Amino acid sequence: MMLRIARQTLAEIRADCAARAPEEACGLLLGRDGCVESSLAAPNVADERLRHFEIDPAVLFTAHRGARSGGLPLLGCYHSHPDAPAFPSRLDAKRAHDMGWAWLILGQDGEKAYRVVANGPIHGRFEAVDIKEI
């Protein structure tokens, strides 16, 4: 499996994550045919934004509405681990409900991608996927 992502989109996500450190940044990945064409930064509404993320439900709702109206479909989400590796936590796994969604995590060791799957090798919920900038 591979997550294809537009070079400019990845640059925007990196900039968003850097700007919001030391808090965790988060947002949505939008695109078609498994290719992330754009991102939508979202406020992190988690209680402990230094250690967790929660995408603002209003942004998620707006993105779903846009997709139903002919906009780009949601392919997944991104978030940062400003003080940790780009590896999903057990809490990430508990909150990953959308099967097939891509999760892009930006950590101290760069960015890594995962797909939400049933019985995945990572916390029973994720499998690692390669990233290809296009």
C-alpha atoms as a PDB file:
ATOM      1  CA  MET A   1       0.000   0.000   0.000  1.00  0.00           C
ATOM      2  CA  MET A   2       1.089   3.553  -0.649  1.00  0.00           C
ATOM      3  CA  LEU A   3      -0.127   7.027   0.245  1.00  0.00           C
ATOM      4  CA  ARG A   4       0.412   9.347  -2.686  1.00  0.00           C
ATOM      5  CA  ILE A   5       0.438  13.007  -1.705  1.00  0.00           C
ATOM      6  CA  ALA A   6       0.928  16.204  -3.653  1.00  0.00           C
ATOM      7  CA  ARG A   7       4.302  17.785  -2.812  1.00  0.00           C
ATOM      8  CA  GLN A   8       2.724  21.207  -2.136  1.00  0.00           C
ATOM      9  CA  THR A   9       0.110  19.651   0.162  1.00  0.00           C
ATOM     10  CA  LEU A  10       2.775  17.884   2.200  1.00  0.00           C
ATOM     11  CA  ALA A  11       4.700  21.160   2.478  1.00  0.00           C
ATOM     12  CA  GLU A  12       1.547  22.902   3.767  1.00  0.00           C
ATOM     13  CA  ILE A  13       0.969  20.151   6.345  1.00  0.00           C
ATOM     14  CA  ARG A  14       4.578  20.380   7.534  1.00  0.00           C
ATOM     15  CA  ALA A  15       4.236  24.156   7.900  1.00  0.00           C
ATOM     16  CA  ASP A  16       0.965  23.808   9.829  1.00  0.00           C
ATOM     17  CA  CYS A  17       2.491  21.302  12.233  1.00  0.00           C
ATOM     18  CA  ALA A  18       5.588  23.450  12.780  1.00  0.00           C
ATOM     19  CA  ALA A  19       3.506  26.566  13.409  1.00  0.00           C
ATOM     20  CA  ARG A  20       1.344  24.912  16.065  1.00  0.00           C
ATOM     21  CA  ALA A  21       4.139  23.219  18.028  1.00  0.00           C
ATOM     22  CA  PRO A  22       4.430  22.450  20.890  1.00  0.00           C
ATOM     23  CA  GLU A  23       0.734  21.560  20.585  1.00  0.00           C
ATOM     24  CA  GLU A  24      -0.353  18.729  18.324  1.00  0.00           C
ATOM     25  CA  ALA A  25      -1.631  19.994  14.991  1.00  0.00           C
ATOM     26  CA  CYS A  26      -4.358  18.182  13.088  1.00  0.00           C
ATOM     27  CA  GLY A  27      -6.348  18.305   9.900  1.00  0.00           C
ATOM     28  CA  LEU A  28      -7.956  16.367   7.101  1.00  0.00           C
ATOM     29  CA  LEU A  29      -6.565  14.789   3.944  1.00  0.00           C
ATOM     30  CA  LEU A  30      -8.661  15.307   0.811  1.00  0.00           C
ATOM     31  CA  GLY A  31      -8.320  13.767  -2.621  1.00  0.00           C
ATOM     32  CA  ARG A  32      -9.391  11.155  -5.123  1.00  0.00           C
ATOM     33  CA  ASP A  33      -8.303   7.660  -6.083  1.00  0.00           C
ATOM     34  CA  GLY A  34      -5.999   7.300  -3.087  1.00  0.00           C
ATOM     35  CA  CYS A  35      -4.084  10.479  -3.925  1.00  0.00           C
ATOM     36  CA  VAL A  36      -4.057  13.319  -1.386  1.00  0.00           C
ATOM     37  CA  GLU A  37      -4.542  16.504  -3.399  1.00  0.00           C
ATOM     38  CA  SER A  38      -5.124  18.962  -0.556  1.00  0.00           C
ATOM     39  CA  SER A  39      -5.416  19.262   3.198  1.00  0.00           C
ATOM     40  CA  LEU A  40      -7.689  21.152   5.523  1.00  0.00           C
ATOM     41  CA  ALA A  41      -6.129  22.295   8.782  1.00  0.00           C
ATOM     42  CA  ALA A  42      -8.488  21.993  11.737  1.00  0.00           C
ATOM     43  CA  PRO A  43      -8.463  23.398  15.249  1.00  0.00           C
ATOM     44  CA  ASN A  44      -7.322  20.859  17.820  1.00  0.00           C
ATOM     45  CA  VAL A  45     -10.162  20.774  20.355  1.00  0.00           C
ATOM     46  CA  ALA A  46      -8.625  18.123  22.647  1.00  0.00           C
ATOM     47  CA  ASP A  47      -8.424  18.928  26.349  1.00  0.00           C
ATOM     48  CA  GLU A  48      -4.664  18.236  26.415  1.00  0.00           C
ATOM     49  CA  ARG A  49      -3.458  19.627  23.079  1.00  0.00           C
ATOM     50  CA  LEU A  50       0.185  19.097  24.049  1.00  0.00           C
ATOM     51  CA  ARG A  51      -0.358  15.316  24.088  1.00  0.00           C
ATOM     52  CA  HIS A  52      -3.521  14.565  22.112  1.00  0.00           C
ATOM     53  CA  PHE A  53      -5.515  15.727  19.146  1.00  0.00           C
ATOM     54  CA  GLU A  54      -9.186  15.917  18.314  1.00  0.00           C
ATOM     55  CA  ILE A  55     -10.310  17.407  15.016  1.00  0.00           C
ATOM     56  CA  ASP A  56     -12.937  20.108  15.442  1.00  0.00           C
ATOM     57  CA  PRO A  57     -16.236  18.378  14.565  1.00  0.00           C
ATOM     58  CA  ALA A  58     -17.442  21.497  12.715  1.00  0.00           C
ATOM     59  CA  VAL A  59     -14.507  21.204  10.271  1.00  0.00           C
ATOM     60  CA  LEU A  60     -15.171  17.503   9.786  1.00  0.00           C
ATOM     61  CA  PHE A  61     -18.858  18.183   9.133  1.00  0.00           C
ATOM     62  CA  THR A  62     -18.014  20.934   6.629  1.00  0.00           C
ATOM     63  CA  ALA A  63     -15.585  18.632   4.792  1.00  0.00           C
ATOM     64  CA  HIS A  64     -18.183  15.853   4.546  1.00  0.00           C
ATOM     65  CA  ARG A  65     -20.761  18.331   3.278  1.00  0.00           C
ATOM     66  CA  GLY A  66     -18.286  19.620   0.683  1.00  0.00           C
ATOM     67  CA  ALA A  67     -17.534  16.102  -0.516  1.00  0.00           C
ATOM     68  CA  ARG A  68     -21.256  15.360  -0.913  1.00  0.00           C
ATOM     69  CA  SER A  69     -21.570  18.554  -2.969  1.00  0.00           C
ATOM     70  CA  GLY A  70     -18.913  17.503  -5.469  1.00  0.00           C
ATOM     71  CA  GLY A  71     -15.789  18.554  -3.589  1.00  0.00           C
ATOM     72  CA  LEU A  72     -12.829  16.347  -2.809  1.00  0.00           C
ATOM     73  CA  PRO A  73     -13.627  13.279  -0.694  1.00  0.00           C
ATOM     74  CA  LEU A  74     -12.027  12.729   2.693  1.00  0.00           C
ATOM     75  CA  LEU A  75      -9.187  10.222   2.526  1.00  0.00           C
ATOM     76  CA  GLY A  76      -7.978  10.527   6.100  1.00  0.00           C
ATOM     77  CA  CYS A  77      -6.378  12.815   8.624  1.00  0.00           C
ATOM     78  CA  TYR A  78      -3.030  14.110   9.777  1.00  0.00           C
ATOM     79  CA  HIS A  79      -1.655  15.085  13.123  1.00  0.00           C
ATOM     80  CA  SER A  80       1.684  15.824  14.702  1.00  0.00           C
ATOM     81  CA  HIS A  81       3.725  14.326  17.503  1.00  0.00           C
ATOM     82  CA  PRO A  82       5.971  17.339  18.236  1.00  0.00           C
ATOM     83  CA  ASP A  83       7.929  15.534  20.953  1.00  0.00           C
ATOM     84  CA  ALA A  84       7.645  11.910  19.839  1.00  0.00           C
ATOM     85  CA  PRO A  85       8.211   9.649  16.833  1.00  0.00           C
ATOM     86  CA  ALA A  86       5.707   9.461  13.974  1.00  0.00           C
ATOM     87  CA  PHE A  87       4.128   6.279  15.312  1.00  0.00           C
ATOM     88  CA  PRO A  88       0.465   5.846  16.301  1.00  0.00           C
ATOM     89  CA  SER A  89      -0.279   5.731  19.997  1.00  0.00           C
ATOM     90  CA  ARG A  90      -2.697   3.310  21.606  1.00  0.00           C
ATOM     91  CA  LEU A  91      -5.109   6.230  21.992  1.00  0.00           C
ATOM     92  CA  ASP A  92      -4.808   6.924  18.250  1.00  0.00           C
ATOM     93  CA  ALA A  93      -5.801   3.297  17.644  1.00  0.00           C
ATOM     94  CA  LYS A  94      -8.815   3.571  19.959  1.00  0.00           C
ATOM     95  CA  ARG A  95     -10.014   6.624  18.047  1.00  0.00           C
ATOM     96  CA  ALA A  96      -9.406   5.259  14.525  1.00  0.00           C
ATOM     97  CA  HIS A  97     -12.850   4.157  13.369  1.00  0.00           C
ATOM     98  CA  ASP A  98     -12.935   4.938   9.656  1.00  0.00           C
ATOM     99  CA  MET A  99     -11.684   1.788   7.924  1.00  0.00           C
ATOM    100  CA  GLY A 100      -9.400   2.510   5.014  1.00  0.00           C
ATOM    101  CA  TRP A 101      -8.627   6.055   6.170  1.00  0.00           C
ATOM    102  CA  ALA A 102      -5.049   7.220   5.838  1.00  0.00           C
ATOM    103  CA  TRP A 103      -3.378   8.631   8.931  1.00  0.00           C
ATOM    104  CA  LEU A 104      -0.357  10.822   8.295  1.00  0.00           C
ATOM    105  CA  ILE A 105       1.682  11.433  11.438  1.00  0.00           C
ATOM    106  CA  LEU A 106       4.461  14.010  11.578  1.00  0.00           C
ATOM    107  CA  GLY A 107       6.923  13.372  14.378  1.00  0.00           C
ATOM    108  CA  GLN A 108      10.470  14.079  15.438  1.00  0.00           C
ATOM    109  CA  ASP A 109      11.631  11.467  12.941  1.00  0.00           C
ATOM    110  CA  GLY A 110       9.763  12.902   9.947  1.00  0.00           C
ATOM    111  CA  GLU A 111       6.421  11.818   8.586  1.00  0.00           C
ATOM    112  CA  LYS A 112       4.991   8.337   8.316  1.00  0.00           C
ATOM    113  CA  ALA A 113       1.689   7.060   6.991  1.00  0.00           C
ATOM    114  CA  TYR A 114      -0.680   4.382   8.215  1.00  0.00           C
ATOM    115  CA  ARG A 115      -3.979   2.935   7.057  1.00  0.00           C
ATOM    116  CA  VAL A 116      -6.822   2.013   9.381  1.00  0.00           C
ATOM    117  CA  VAL A 117      -7.535  -1.699   9.048  1.00  0.00           C
ATOM    118  CA  ALA A 118      -9.272  -4.366  11.095  1.00  0.00           C
ATOM    119  CA  ASN A 119      -6.826  -6.432  13.127  1.00  0.00           C
ATOM    120  CA  GLY A 120      -3.837  -4.413  11.923  1.00  0.00           C
ATOM    121  CA  PRO A 121      -0.337  -5.272  13.097  1.00  0.00           C
ATOM    122  CA  ILE A 122      -0.014  -1.939  14.947  1.00  0.00           C
ATOM    123  CA  HIS A 123      -2.242  -1.839  18.047  1.00  0.00           C
ATOM    124  CA  GLY A 124      -4.752  -4.036  16.201  1.00  0.00           C
ATOM    125  CA  ARG A 125      -5.837  -1.051  14.110  1.00  0.00           C
ATOM    126  CA  PHE A 126      -3.117   0.261  11.753  1.00  0.00           C
ATOM    127  CA  GLU A 127      -0.807  -0.954   9.020  1.00  0.00           C
ATOM    128  CA  ALA A 128       2.165   1.093   7.853  1.00  0.00           C
ATOM    129  CA  VAL A 129       2.094   2.377   4.280  1.00  0.00           C
ATOM    130  CA  ASP A 130       4.745   4.069   2.164  1.00  0.00           C
ATOM    131  CA  ILE A 131       4.530   7.750   1.247  1.00  0.00           C
ATOM    132  CA  LYS A 132       5.136   8.929  -2.294  1.00  0.00           C
ATOM    133  CA  GLU A 133       5.288  12.644  -3.058  1.00  0.00           C
ATOM    134  CA  ILE A 134       3.896  13.511  -6.467  1.00  0.00           C
END
